[in-house]
């Protein structure tokens, strides 16, 4: 009943309070809830209505451990790059959350891997944009549904740096391409209002830089 109540959350409330939640409890998430969230994700549009999604729900500790190693290696290399980040700054808080997620990746109860079926052509740009444009609306649906159910979630792509390993870990055929990972779990902490730029700072009319008056 609590889950159904959460999923009835007004869309605007879910949008205005959605954020990347990386610190998750190890508590299990019911399969029925995960499938309900993915069912809502499937309501998104796809190019030519191909509905060429494929979702891998990862719960096996051994599989999660292999994904965790893929996720950590780029972060370890990134940590070697000298940089000045003010302590307590927003960037530092984000980096801390990303590192926490990497350190505790095996404890995440569910990792959903969003994939697309069909040949991926990186060039020209319009083909790549069209290809990925068929999965990210579904991913956003999944993130909003997770928010409505008070589940923590975030879209990550770092493990995709090694596509060959991703395919081997998940047993994916060549014509199925992993596009995003969504760790899911009950959040440590709570959702709240998000801080974003004002709409007038990012919208131009007709040509770039033609801002509307606030």
N, C-alpha and C. Protein backbone atom coordinates (compact mmCIF):
# COMPACT_ATOMS: atom_id res chain seq x y z
N UNK A 1 0.82 -1.20 0.00
CA UNK A 1 0.00 0.00 0.00
C UNK A 1 0.86 1.26 0.00
N UNK A 2 1.96 1.24 0.79
CA UNK A 2 2.84 2.40 0.84
C UNK A 2 3.49 2.65 -0.51
N UNK A 3 3.89 1.58 -1.19
CA UNK A 3 4.50 1.72 -2.51
C UNK A 3 3.50 2.29 -3.50
N UNK A 4 2.26 1.78 -3.50
CA UNK A 4 1.25 2.28 -4.41
C UNK A 4 0.94 3.75 -4.14
N UNK A 5 0.93 4.13 -2.85
CA UNK A 5 0.73 5.53 -2.51
C UNK A 5 1.85 6.38 -3.06
N UNK A 6 3.07 5.89 -2.94
CA UNK A 6 4.22 6.63 -3.46
C UNK A 6 4.16 6.79 -4.96
N UNK A 7 3.76 5.75 -5.66
CA UNK A 7 3.69 5.83 -7.11
C UNK A 7 2.58 6.75 -7.59
N UNK A 8 1.68 7.13 -6.70
CA UNK A 8 0.64 8.10 -7.04
C UNK A 8 1.11 9.53 -6.82
N UNK A 9 2.38 9.73 -6.48
CA UNK A 9 2.93 11.07 -6.26
C UNK A 9 2.70 11.93 -7.51
N UNK A 10 2.29 13.18 -7.34
CA UNK A 10 2.15 14.07 -8.50
C UNK A 10 3.45 14.16 -9.28
N UNK A 11 3.35 14.19 -10.60
CA UNK A 11 4.54 14.19 -11.44
C UNK A 11 5.44 15.38 -11.14
N UNK A 12 4.84 16.56 -10.94
CA UNK A 12 5.65 17.74 -10.68
C UNK A 12 6.44 17.59 -9.39
N UNK A 13 5.86 16.95 -8.37
CA UNK A 13 6.57 16.75 -7.12
C UNK A 13 7.76 15.82 -7.31
N UNK A 14 7.55 14.74 -8.09
CA UNK A 14 8.64 13.82 -8.35
C UNK A 14 9.76 14.52 -9.11
N UNK A 15 9.41 15.34 -10.09
CA UNK A 15 10.42 16.05 -10.87
C UNK A 15 11.19 17.07 -10.04
N UNK A 16 10.47 17.79 -9.18
CA UNK A 16 11.09 18.86 -8.42
C UNK A 16 11.96 18.36 -7.27
N UNK A 17 11.78 17.10 -6.88
CA UNK A 17 12.56 16.57 -5.76
C UNK A 17 13.49 15.43 -6.18
N UNK A 18 13.51 15.11 -7.47
CA UNK A 18 14.39 14.03 -7.94
C UNK A 18 15.84 14.48 -7.90
N UNK A 19 16.70 13.62 -7.45
CA UNK A 19 18.14 13.88 -7.47
C UNK A 19 18.87 12.55 -7.55
N UNK A 20 20.14 12.60 -7.88
CA UNK A 20 20.95 11.38 -7.89
C UNK A 20 21.21 10.96 -6.45
N UNK A 21 20.72 9.78 -6.07
CA UNK A 21 20.93 9.23 -4.74
C UNK A 21 21.92 8.08 -4.86
N UNK A 22 23.12 8.29 -4.35
CA UNK A 22 24.18 7.28 -4.50
C UNK A 22 24.43 6.48 -3.23
N UNK A 23 24.09 7.03 -2.09
CA UNK A 23 24.27 6.31 -0.82
C UNK A 23 23.01 5.51 -0.53
N UNK A 24 23.10 4.20 -0.66
CA UNK A 24 21.94 3.32 -0.54
C UNK A 24 22.14 2.29 0.56
N UNK A 25 21.04 1.91 1.17
CA UNK A 25 21.08 0.86 2.18
C UNK A 25 21.19 -0.51 1.48
N UNK A 26 21.73 -1.50 2.16
CA UNK A 26 21.81 -2.85 1.58
C UNK A 26 20.50 -3.62 1.66
N UNK A 27 19.49 -3.03 2.28
CA UNK A 27 18.20 -3.71 2.44
C UNK A 27 17.64 -4.15 1.08
N UNK A 28 17.04 -5.34 1.01
CA UNK A 28 16.52 -5.83 -0.27
C UNK A 28 15.37 -4.99 -0.81
N UNK A 29 15.24 -5.01 -2.10
CA UNK A 29 14.12 -4.37 -2.80
C UNK A 29 13.32 -5.47 -3.47
N UNK A 30 12.02 -5.49 -3.23
CA UNK A 30 11.17 -6.56 -3.73
C UNK A 30 11.18 -6.60 -5.26
N UNK A 31 11.27 -7.82 -5.80
CA UNK A 31 11.29 -7.97 -7.26
C UNK A 31 10.05 -7.37 -7.91
N UNK A 32 8.90 -7.50 -7.25
CA UNK A 32 7.66 -6.98 -7.83
C UNK A 32 7.74 -5.47 -8.00
N UNK A 33 8.38 -4.79 -7.06
CA UNK A 33 8.53 -3.34 -7.17
C UNK A 33 9.48 -2.99 -8.31
N UNK A 34 10.59 -3.70 -8.42
CA UNK A 34 11.54 -3.44 -9.51
C UNK A 34 10.86 -3.64 -10.86
N UNK A 35 10.10 -4.72 -10.99
CA UNK A 35 9.41 -4.98 -12.25
C UNK A 35 8.36 -3.91 -12.55
N UNK A 36 7.70 -3.41 -11.49
CA UNK A 36 6.72 -2.34 -11.69
C UNK A 36 7.40 -1.07 -12.20
N UNK A 37 8.57 -0.76 -11.64
CA UNK A 37 9.31 0.43 -12.09
C UNK A 37 9.73 0.28 -13.55
N UNK A 38 10.20 -0.91 -13.91
CA UNK A 38 10.61 -1.12 -15.30
C UNK A 38 9.41 -1.10 -16.22
N UNK A 39 8.27 -1.60 -15.75
CA UNK A 39 7.05 -1.53 -16.55
C UNK A 39 6.69 -0.08 -16.86
N UNK A 40 6.86 0.79 -15.88
CA UNK A 40 6.63 2.22 -16.12
C UNK A 40 7.67 2.79 -17.06
N UNK A 41 8.89 2.31 -16.96
CA UNK A 41 9.94 2.77 -17.88
C UNK A 41 9.58 2.43 -19.32
N UNK A 42 8.94 1.29 -19.51
CA UNK A 42 8.59 0.84 -20.86
C UNK A 42 7.50 1.69 -21.51
N UNK A 43 6.89 2.58 -20.75
CA UNK A 43 5.86 3.45 -21.33
C UNK A 43 6.47 4.60 -22.13
N UNK A 44 7.78 4.74 -22.07
CA UNK A 44 8.44 5.83 -22.79
C UNK A 44 8.44 5.56 -24.29
N UNK A 45 8.53 6.62 -25.09
CA UNK A 45 8.60 6.44 -26.54
C UNK A 45 9.99 5.95 -26.98
N UNK A 46 10.02 5.28 -28.13
CA UNK A 46 11.28 4.89 -28.76
C UNK A 46 11.22 5.24 -30.24
N UNK A 47 12.40 5.33 -30.87
CA UNK A 47 12.45 5.63 -32.29
C UNK A 47 11.67 4.61 -33.11
N UNK A 48 10.78 5.09 -33.96
CA UNK A 48 9.94 4.24 -34.82
C UNK A 48 9.12 3.25 -34.00
N UNK A 49 8.91 3.55 -32.72
CA UNK A 49 8.18 2.65 -31.82
C UNK A 49 8.77 1.24 -31.85
N UNK A 50 10.11 1.17 -31.95
CA UNK A 50 10.78 -0.13 -32.05
C UNK A 50 10.72 -0.92 -30.75
N UNK A 51 10.61 -0.21 -29.63
CA UNK A 51 10.57 -0.86 -28.32
C UNK A 51 11.72 -1.86 -28.18
N UNK A 52 12.90 -1.40 -28.59
CA UNK A 52 14.07 -2.28 -28.63
C UNK A 52 14.91 -2.22 -27.36
N UNK A 53 14.21 -2.12 -26.21
CA UNK A 53 14.91 -2.10 -24.94
C UNK A 53 15.25 -3.52 -24.49
N UNK A 54 16.18 -3.60 -23.59
CA UNK A 54 16.44 -4.82 -22.83
C UNK A 54 16.98 -4.38 -21.48
N UNK A 55 16.42 -4.90 -20.40
CA UNK A 55 16.86 -4.52 -19.06
C UNK A 55 17.39 -5.75 -18.33
N UNK A 56 18.59 -5.63 -17.79
CA UNK A 56 19.18 -6.69 -16.99
C UNK A 56 19.11 -6.26 -15.53
N UNK A 57 18.43 -7.03 -14.70
CA UNK A 57 18.32 -6.73 -13.27
C UNK A 57 19.37 -7.57 -12.54
N UNK A 58 20.38 -6.90 -12.02
CA UNK A 58 21.51 -7.58 -11.39
C UNK A 58 21.33 -7.59 -9.88
N UNK A 59 21.27 -8.80 -9.31
CA UNK A 59 21.19 -8.98 -7.86
C UNK A 59 22.26 -9.94 -7.34
N UNK A 60 22.79 -10.76 -8.20
CA UNK A 60 23.80 -11.76 -7.83
C UNK A 60 25.05 -11.05 -7.31
N UNK A 61 25.49 -11.36 -6.09
CA UNK A 61 26.68 -10.70 -5.52
C UNK A 61 27.93 -10.85 -6.39
N UNK A 62 28.09 -11.99 -7.05
CA UNK A 62 29.28 -12.20 -7.88
C UNK A 62 29.26 -11.30 -9.10
N UNK A 63 28.09 -11.13 -9.69
CA UNK A 63 27.97 -10.25 -10.86
C UNK A 63 28.18 -8.80 -10.43
N UNK A 64 27.59 -8.42 -9.31
CA UNK A 64 27.78 -7.04 -8.81
C UNK A 64 29.24 -6.77 -8.50
N UNK A 65 29.96 -7.76 -7.97
CA UNK A 65 31.37 -7.57 -7.66
C UNK A 65 32.18 -7.29 -8.92
N UNK A 66 31.84 -7.97 -10.02
CA UNK A 66 32.56 -7.74 -11.27
C UNK A 66 32.23 -6.36 -11.84
N UNK A 67 30.97 -5.94 -11.73
CA UNK A 67 30.61 -4.58 -12.15
C UNK A 67 31.30 -3.54 -11.28
N UNK A 68 31.42 -3.85 -9.98
CA UNK A 68 32.07 -2.92 -9.06
C UNK A 68 33.52 -2.68 -9.46
N UNK A 69 34.22 -3.72 -9.88
CA UNK A 69 35.61 -3.56 -10.30
C UNK A 69 35.71 -2.68 -11.54
N UNK A 70 34.80 -2.87 -12.48
CA UNK A 70 34.78 -2.00 -13.66
C UNK A 70 34.53 -0.55 -13.28
N UNK A 71 33.68 -0.35 -12.28
CA UNK A 71 33.33 1.01 -11.85
C UNK A 71 34.48 1.69 -11.12
N UNK A 72 35.28 0.93 -10.40
CA UNK A 72 36.32 1.52 -9.54
C UNK A 72 37.57 1.95 -10.32
N UNK A 73 37.95 1.19 -11.32
CA UNK A 73 39.22 1.45 -11.97
C UNK A 73 39.34 2.87 -12.53
N UNK A 74 38.35 3.36 -13.31
CA UNK A 74 38.48 4.75 -13.79
C UNK A 74 38.53 5.76 -12.64
N UNK A 75 37.81 5.50 -11.55
CA UNK A 75 37.83 6.42 -10.42
C UNK A 75 39.20 6.43 -9.75
N UNK A 76 39.85 5.27 -9.70
CA UNK A 76 41.20 5.21 -9.14
C UNK A 76 42.17 6.02 -9.98
N UNK A 77 42.04 5.94 -11.29
CA UNK A 77 42.90 6.73 -12.17
C UNK A 77 42.58 8.21 -12.06
N UNK A 78 41.30 8.54 -11.96
CA UNK A 78 40.88 9.94 -11.83
C UNK A 78 41.43 10.55 -10.54
N UNK A 79 41.50 9.75 -9.48
CA UNK A 79 41.99 10.26 -8.20
C UNK A 79 43.46 10.64 -8.25
N UNK A 80 44.20 10.13 -9.25
CA UNK A 80 45.62 10.45 -9.37
C UNK A 80 45.87 11.81 -10.02
N UNK A 81 44.83 12.38 -10.63
CA UNK A 81 44.98 13.68 -11.30
C UNK A 81 44.93 14.80 -10.27
N UNK A 82 45.98 15.64 -10.19
CA UNK A 82 45.97 16.73 -9.21
C UNK A 82 44.85 17.74 -9.53
N UNK A 83 44.14 18.17 -8.52
CA UNK A 83 43.09 19.16 -8.71
C UNK A 83 42.82 19.86 -7.37
N UNK A 84 42.31 21.05 -7.47
CA UNK A 84 41.98 21.81 -6.28
C UNK A 84 40.46 21.87 -6.14
N UNK A 85 39.97 21.20 -5.13
CA UNK A 85 38.53 21.21 -4.85
C UNK A 85 38.35 21.72 -3.43
N UNK A 86 37.70 22.87 -3.24
CA UNK A 86 37.51 23.41 -1.89
C UNK A 86 36.78 22.43 -0.99
N UNK A 87 37.30 22.17 0.21
CA UNK A 87 36.60 21.27 1.15
C UNK A 87 35.20 21.79 1.46
N UNK A 88 34.24 20.88 1.46
CA UNK A 88 32.87 21.27 1.77
C UNK A 88 32.11 21.85 0.59
N UNK A 89 32.76 22.01 -0.57
CA UNK A 89 32.08 22.57 -1.74
C UNK A 89 31.11 21.55 -2.33
N UNK A 90 30.24 22.04 -3.21
CA UNK A 90 29.28 21.15 -3.84
C UNK A 90 30.00 20.07 -4.64
N UNK A 91 31.06 20.46 -5.33
CA UNK A 91 31.82 19.48 -6.13
C UNK A 91 32.44 18.42 -5.22
N UNK A 92 32.93 18.84 -4.07
CA UNK A 92 33.53 17.88 -3.16
C UNK A 92 32.47 16.91 -2.63
N UNK A 93 31.30 17.41 -2.36
CA UNK A 93 30.22 16.55 -1.87
C UNK A 93 29.81 15.52 -2.93
N UNK A 94 29.77 15.97 -4.19
CA UNK A 94 29.44 15.05 -5.28
C UNK A 94 30.52 13.98 -5.41
N UNK A 95 31.78 14.40 -5.37
CA UNK A 95 32.88 13.45 -5.49
C UNK A 95 32.86 12.45 -4.34
N UNK A 96 32.54 12.92 -3.15
CA UNK A 96 32.46 12.03 -1.99
C UNK A 96 31.35 10.99 -2.18
N UNK A 97 30.19 11.43 -2.73
CA UNK A 97 29.07 10.51 -2.95
C UNK A 97 29.41 9.48 -4.02
N UNK A 98 30.09 9.92 -5.08
CA UNK A 98 30.49 9.00 -6.14
C UNK A 98 31.47 7.96 -5.59
N UNK A 99 32.41 8.42 -4.76
CA UNK A 99 33.38 7.50 -4.19
C UNK A 99 32.71 6.54 -3.21
N UNK A 100 31.75 7.04 -2.44
CA UNK A 100 31.03 6.17 -1.50
C UNK A 100 30.31 5.07 -2.27
N UNK A 101 29.67 5.46 -3.36
CA UNK A 101 28.96 4.47 -4.16
C UNK A 101 29.92 3.41 -4.70
N UNK A 102 31.09 3.85 -5.17
CA UNK A 102 32.08 2.91 -5.69
C UNK A 102 32.58 1.97 -4.59
N UNK A 103 32.81 2.51 -3.40
CA UNK A 103 33.32 1.71 -2.29
C UNK A 103 32.31 0.68 -1.80
N UNK A 104 31.02 0.98 -1.98
CA UNK A 104 29.96 0.11 -1.45
C UNK A 104 29.13 -0.52 -2.56
N UNK A 105 29.68 -0.58 -3.76
CA UNK A 105 28.90 -1.03 -4.91
C UNK A 105 28.32 -2.43 -4.71
N UNK A 106 29.10 -3.32 -4.12
CA UNK A 106 28.63 -4.70 -3.92
C UNK A 106 27.43 -4.77 -2.98
N UNK A 107 27.25 -3.75 -2.14
CA UNK A 107 26.16 -3.76 -1.17
C UNK A 107 24.84 -3.25 -1.75
N UNK A 108 24.91 -2.64 -2.93
CA UNK A 108 23.69 -2.11 -3.55
C UNK A 108 22.76 -3.29 -3.87
N UNK A 109 21.50 -3.24 -3.44
CA UNK A 109 20.63 -4.42 -3.61
C UNK A 109 20.31 -4.76 -5.06
N UNK A 110 20.14 -3.73 -5.90
CA UNK A 110 19.74 -3.97 -7.30
C UNK A 110 20.49 -2.99 -8.20
N UNK A 111 21.02 -3.51 -9.29
CA UNK A 111 21.58 -2.66 -10.34
C UNK A 111 20.87 -3.01 -11.64
N UNK A 112 20.17 -2.03 -12.20
CA UNK A 112 19.47 -2.24 -13.47
C UNK A 112 20.36 -1.74 -14.60
N UNK A 113 20.62 -2.60 -15.57
CA UNK A 113 21.41 -2.21 -16.73
C UNK A 113 20.47 -2.04 -17.91
N UNK A 114 20.38 -0.81 -18.41
CA UNK A 114 19.49 -0.50 -19.54
C UNK A 114 20.26 -0.71 -20.84
N UNK A 115 19.72 -1.53 -21.71
CA UNK A 115 20.39 -1.87 -22.96
C UNK A 115 19.47 -1.60 -24.15
N UNK A 116 20.10 -1.55 -25.32
CA UNK A 116 19.34 -1.45 -26.57
C UNK A 116 19.72 -2.59 -27.49
N UNK A 117 18.72 -3.15 -28.16
CA UNK A 117 18.96 -4.18 -29.16
C UNK A 117 19.07 -3.54 -30.53
N UNK A 118 19.97 -4.03 -31.34
CA UNK A 118 20.17 -3.49 -32.67
C UNK A 118 21.58 -2.95 -32.83
N UNK A 119 22.01 -2.84 -34.05
CA UNK A 119 23.38 -2.40 -34.35
C UNK A 119 23.58 -0.95 -33.96
N UNK A 120 24.69 -0.69 -33.28
CA UNK A 120 25.02 0.68 -32.86
C UNK A 120 26.02 1.28 -33.84
N UNK A 121 25.65 2.40 -34.46
CA UNK A 121 26.52 3.09 -35.40
C UNK A 121 26.90 4.45 -34.82
N UNK A 122 28.17 4.64 -34.41
CA UNK A 122 28.56 5.89 -33.77
C UNK A 122 28.60 7.09 -34.71
N UNK A 123 28.74 6.86 -36.01
CA UNK A 123 28.82 7.96 -36.98
C UNK A 123 27.84 7.67 -38.11
N UNK A 124 27.25 8.70 -38.71
CA UNK A 124 27.31 10.10 -38.31
C UNK A 124 26.56 10.37 -37.01
N UNK A 125 26.68 11.59 -36.54
CA UNK A 125 26.14 11.97 -35.24
C UNK A 125 24.64 11.69 -35.14
N UNK A 126 23.90 11.93 -36.21
CA UNK A 126 22.44 11.76 -36.14
C UNK A 126 22.08 10.31 -35.84
N UNK A 127 22.86 9.35 -36.32
CA UNK A 127 22.55 7.94 -36.06
C UNK A 127 22.82 7.59 -34.60
N UNK A 128 23.93 8.09 -34.05
CA UNK A 128 24.22 7.83 -32.65
C UNK A 128 23.17 8.48 -31.76
N UNK A 129 22.79 9.73 -32.08
CA UNK A 129 21.77 10.43 -31.29
C UNK A 129 20.44 9.70 -31.35
N UNK A 130 20.08 9.21 -32.54
CA UNK A 130 18.81 8.49 -32.69
C UNK A 130 18.84 7.18 -31.91
N UNK A 131 19.99 6.51 -31.92
CA UNK A 131 20.11 5.23 -31.23
C UNK A 131 19.91 5.41 -29.74
N UNK A 132 20.69 6.28 -29.12
CA UNK A 132 20.60 6.47 -27.67
C UNK A 132 19.30 7.17 -27.28
N UNK A 133 18.72 7.91 -28.22
CA UNK A 133 17.45 8.56 -27.94
C UNK A 133 16.31 7.58 -27.70
N UNK A 134 16.54 6.30 -28.01
CA UNK A 134 15.51 5.29 -27.78
C UNK A 134 15.58 4.66 -26.40
N UNK A 135 16.64 4.96 -25.62
CA UNK A 135 16.74 4.35 -24.30
C UNK A 135 16.62 5.36 -23.17
N UNK A 136 17.13 6.59 -23.37
CA UNK A 136 17.17 7.51 -22.25
C UNK A 136 15.80 8.02 -21.80
N UNK A 137 14.78 8.14 -22.66
CA UNK A 137 13.45 8.44 -22.12
C UNK A 137 12.97 7.35 -21.16
N UNK A 138 13.25 6.08 -21.47
CA UNK A 138 12.87 4.99 -20.58
C UNK A 138 13.64 5.05 -19.27
N UNK A 139 14.92 5.40 -19.35
CA UNK A 139 15.72 5.53 -18.13
C UNK A 139 15.17 6.64 -17.24
N UNK A 140 14.79 7.76 -17.85
CA UNK A 140 14.22 8.85 -17.04
C UNK A 140 12.89 8.44 -16.42
N UNK A 141 12.08 7.69 -17.16
CA UNK A 141 10.85 7.16 -16.56
C UNK A 141 11.17 6.31 -15.33
N UNK A 142 12.18 5.47 -15.45
CA UNK A 142 12.58 4.61 -14.35
C UNK A 142 13.04 5.42 -13.15
N UNK A 143 13.81 6.47 -13.39
CA UNK A 143 14.30 7.32 -12.30
C UNK A 143 13.14 8.04 -11.61
N UNK A 144 12.19 8.53 -12.38
CA UNK A 144 11.05 9.22 -11.79
C UNK A 144 10.16 8.25 -11.01
N UNK A 145 9.99 7.04 -11.55
CA UNK A 145 9.19 6.04 -10.84
C UNK A 145 9.87 5.65 -9.53
N UNK A 146 11.19 5.53 -9.56
CA UNK A 146 11.94 5.22 -8.34
C UNK A 146 11.74 6.32 -7.31
N UNK A 147 11.79 7.56 -7.77
CA UNK A 147 11.58 8.68 -6.84
C UNK A 147 10.20 8.61 -6.23
N UNK A 148 9.19 8.33 -7.05
CA UNK A 148 7.81 8.26 -6.55
C UNK A 148 7.66 7.15 -5.52
N UNK A 149 8.45 6.08 -5.66
CA UNK A 149 8.39 4.97 -4.71
C UNK A 149 9.35 5.17 -3.53
N UNK A 150 9.99 6.36 -3.49
CA UNK A 150 10.96 6.68 -2.44
C UNK A 150 12.19 5.79 -2.45
N UNK A 151 12.50 5.23 -3.60
CA UNK A 151 13.74 4.49 -3.78
C UNK A 151 14.83 5.45 -4.25
N UNK A 152 16.04 5.22 -3.78
CA UNK A 152 17.17 5.99 -4.27
C UNK A 152 17.65 5.41 -5.59
N UNK A 153 18.08 6.29 -6.51
CA UNK A 153 18.55 5.83 -7.82
C UNK A 153 19.46 6.89 -8.42
N UNK A 154 20.31 6.46 -9.33
CA UNK A 154 21.17 7.38 -10.07
C UNK A 154 21.56 6.71 -11.38
N UNK A 155 21.72 7.51 -12.41
CA UNK A 155 22.20 7.01 -13.69
C UNK A 155 23.72 7.09 -13.69
N UNK A 156 24.40 5.97 -13.95
CA UNK A 156 25.85 5.99 -14.05
C UNK A 156 26.28 5.31 -15.35
N UNK A 157 27.44 5.71 -15.86
CA UNK A 157 27.96 5.15 -17.12
C UNK A 157 29.42 4.74 -17.01
N UNK A 158 30.07 5.00 -15.88
CA UNK A 158 31.51 4.73 -15.75
C UNK A 158 31.87 3.29 -16.12
N UNK A 159 31.10 2.26 -15.68
CA UNK A 159 31.50 0.88 -16.01
C UNK A 159 31.48 0.58 -17.50
N UNK A 160 30.87 1.45 -18.31
CA UNK A 160 30.77 1.19 -19.75
C UNK A 160 32.08 1.45 -20.48
N UNK A 161 33.12 1.92 -19.76
CA UNK A 161 34.40 2.19 -20.42
C UNK A 161 34.95 0.92 -21.05
N UNK A 162 34.61 -0.24 -20.49
CA UNK A 162 35.08 -1.52 -21.04
C UNK A 162 33.88 -2.32 -21.52
N UNK A 163 33.50 -2.04 -22.76
CA UNK A 163 32.28 -2.65 -23.30
C UNK A 163 32.43 -4.17 -23.45
N UNK A 164 33.62 -4.61 -23.79
CA UNK A 164 33.85 -6.06 -23.94
C UNK A 164 33.60 -6.77 -22.61
N UNK A 165 34.14 -6.21 -21.52
CA UNK A 165 33.94 -6.82 -20.20
C UNK A 165 32.48 -6.77 -19.79
N UNK A 166 31.79 -5.65 -20.08
CA UNK A 166 30.38 -5.55 -19.75
C UNK A 166 29.59 -6.66 -20.44
N UNK A 167 29.88 -6.89 -21.70
CA UNK A 167 29.17 -7.94 -22.43
C UNK A 167 29.44 -9.31 -21.81
N UNK A 168 30.68 -9.56 -21.46
CA UNK A 168 31.03 -10.86 -20.87
C UNK A 168 30.36 -11.05 -19.51
N UNK A 169 30.39 -10.03 -18.69
CA UNK A 169 29.82 -10.14 -17.35
C UNK A 169 28.33 -10.44 -17.41
N UNK A 170 27.64 -9.79 -18.34
CA UNK A 170 26.18 -9.92 -18.41
C UNK A 170 25.71 -10.93 -19.45
N UNK A 171 26.65 -11.53 -20.18
CA UNK A 171 26.27 -12.49 -21.20
C UNK A 171 25.51 -11.87 -22.36
N UNK A 172 25.87 -10.64 -22.72
CA UNK A 172 25.15 -9.93 -23.76
C UNK A 172 25.66 -10.31 -25.15
N UNK A 173 24.77 -10.60 -26.08
CA UNK A 173 25.20 -10.80 -27.47
C UNK A 173 25.66 -9.48 -28.08
N UNK A 174 26.32 -9.55 -29.20
CA UNK A 174 26.90 -8.36 -29.82
C UNK A 174 25.85 -7.34 -30.22
N UNK A 175 24.66 -7.79 -30.50
CA UNK A 175 23.61 -6.86 -30.95
C UNK A 175 22.80 -6.28 -29.80
N UNK A 176 23.26 -6.49 -28.57
CA UNK A 176 22.65 -5.86 -27.41
C UNK A 176 23.71 -5.02 -26.72
N UNK A 177 23.47 -3.71 -26.64
CA UNK A 177 24.47 -2.77 -26.14
C UNK A 177 24.03 -2.17 -24.81
N UNK A 178 24.84 -2.31 -23.76
CA UNK A 178 24.52 -1.65 -22.49
C UNK A 178 24.73 -0.14 -22.63
N UNK A 179 23.77 0.64 -22.16
CA UNK A 179 23.80 2.10 -22.34
C UNK A 179 23.86 2.87 -21.03
N UNK A 180 23.41 2.28 -19.93
CA UNK A 180 23.40 2.97 -18.65
C UNK A 180 23.18 1.95 -17.54
N UNK A 181 23.68 2.26 -16.35
CA UNK A 181 23.43 1.46 -15.17
C UNK A 181 22.67 2.32 -14.17
N UNK A 182 21.68 1.73 -13.52
CA UNK A 182 20.88 2.44 -12.52
C UNK A 182 20.89 1.65 -11.22
N UNK A 183 21.78 1.99 -10.28
CA UNK A 183 21.73 1.35 -8.97
C UNK A 183 20.45 1.78 -8.24
N UNK A 184 19.77 0.81 -7.63
CA UNK A 184 18.51 1.06 -6.94
C UNK A 184 18.59 0.55 -5.51
N UNK A 185 18.02 1.31 -4.58
CA UNK A 185 17.95 0.86 -3.20
C UNK A 185 17.27 1.89 -2.33
N UNK A 186 17.01 1.52 -1.10
CA UNK A 186 16.41 2.47 -0.18
C UNK A 186 17.47 3.47 0.26
N UNK A 187 17.17 4.76 0.19
CA UNK A 187 18.21 5.77 0.42
C UNK A 187 18.62 5.91 1.88
N UNK A 188 19.89 6.22 2.06
CA UNK A 188 20.39 6.64 3.37
C UNK A 188 20.17 8.16 3.42
N UNK A 189 19.20 8.60 4.16
CA UNK A 189 18.84 10.01 4.15
C UNK A 189 17.47 10.18 3.50
N UNK A 190 17.21 11.37 3.01
CA UNK A 190 15.88 11.64 2.46
C UNK A 190 15.99 12.52 1.23
N UNK A 191 14.91 12.47 0.43
CA UNK A 191 14.80 13.37 -0.70
C UNK A 191 14.43 14.77 -0.19
N UNK A 192 14.65 15.76 -1.02
CA UNK A 192 14.26 17.12 -0.69
C UNK A 192 14.28 17.97 -1.94
N UNK A 193 13.90 19.24 -1.80
CA UNK A 193 13.91 20.13 -2.96
C UNK A 193 15.31 20.23 -3.57
N UNK A 194 15.38 20.27 -4.88
CA UNK A 194 16.66 20.38 -5.57
C UNK A 194 16.97 21.84 -5.88
N UNK A 195 18.24 22.13 -6.00
CA UNK A 195 18.70 23.47 -6.37
C UNK A 195 19.18 23.43 -7.81
N UNK A 196 18.56 24.19 -8.65
CA UNK A 196 18.92 24.22 -10.07
C UNK A 196 19.00 25.66 -10.56
N UNK A 197 19.63 25.84 -11.71
CA UNK A 197 19.68 27.17 -12.33
C UNK A 197 18.26 27.63 -12.69
N UNK A 198 18.08 28.94 -12.74
CA UNK A 198 16.79 29.47 -13.16
C UNK A 198 16.58 29.20 -14.64
N UNK A 199 15.35 29.01 -15.04
CA UNK A 199 15.05 28.66 -16.42
C UNK A 199 15.56 29.73 -17.38
N UNK A 200 15.52 31.01 -16.97
CA UNK A 200 15.96 32.09 -17.86
C UNK A 200 17.46 32.07 -18.10
N UNK A 201 18.20 31.34 -17.28
CA UNK A 201 19.65 31.26 -17.46
C UNK A 201 20.05 30.24 -18.51
N UNK A 202 19.16 29.36 -18.89
CA UNK A 202 19.54 28.26 -19.79
C UNK A 202 18.68 28.19 -21.04
N UNK A 203 17.72 29.09 -21.19
CA UNK A 203 16.82 29.05 -22.35
C UNK A 203 17.10 30.22 -23.27
N UNK A 204 17.27 29.93 -24.55
CA UNK A 204 17.39 30.96 -25.58
C UNK A 204 16.23 30.79 -26.56
N UNK A 205 15.77 31.90 -27.12
CA UNK A 205 14.71 31.86 -28.13
C UNK A 205 15.30 32.10 -29.51
N UNK A 206 15.05 31.16 -30.41
CA UNK A 206 15.42 31.24 -31.82
C UNK A 206 16.92 31.10 -32.08
N UNK A 207 17.77 31.81 -31.32
CA UNK A 207 19.22 31.69 -31.49
C UNK A 207 19.88 31.71 -30.12
N UNK A 208 21.03 31.03 -30.03
CA UNK A 208 21.73 30.94 -28.74
C UNK A 208 22.06 32.34 -28.22
N UNK A 209 21.78 32.55 -26.93
CA UNK A 209 22.10 33.80 -26.27
C UNK A 209 20.96 34.79 -26.23
N UNK A 210 19.88 34.51 -26.97
CA UNK A 210 18.72 35.41 -26.96
C UNK A 210 17.83 35.03 -25.78
N UNK A 211 18.23 35.50 -24.59
CA UNK A 211 17.55 35.11 -23.37
C UNK A 211 16.25 35.89 -23.16
N UNK A 212 15.30 35.22 -22.55
CA UNK A 212 14.07 35.89 -22.17
C UNK A 212 14.30 36.71 -20.91
N UNK A 213 13.58 37.79 -20.78
CA UNK A 213 13.69 38.61 -19.57
C UNK A 213 13.14 37.82 -18.38
N UNK A 214 13.85 37.84 -17.22
CA UNK A 214 13.36 37.10 -16.06
C UNK A 214 12.08 37.72 -15.52
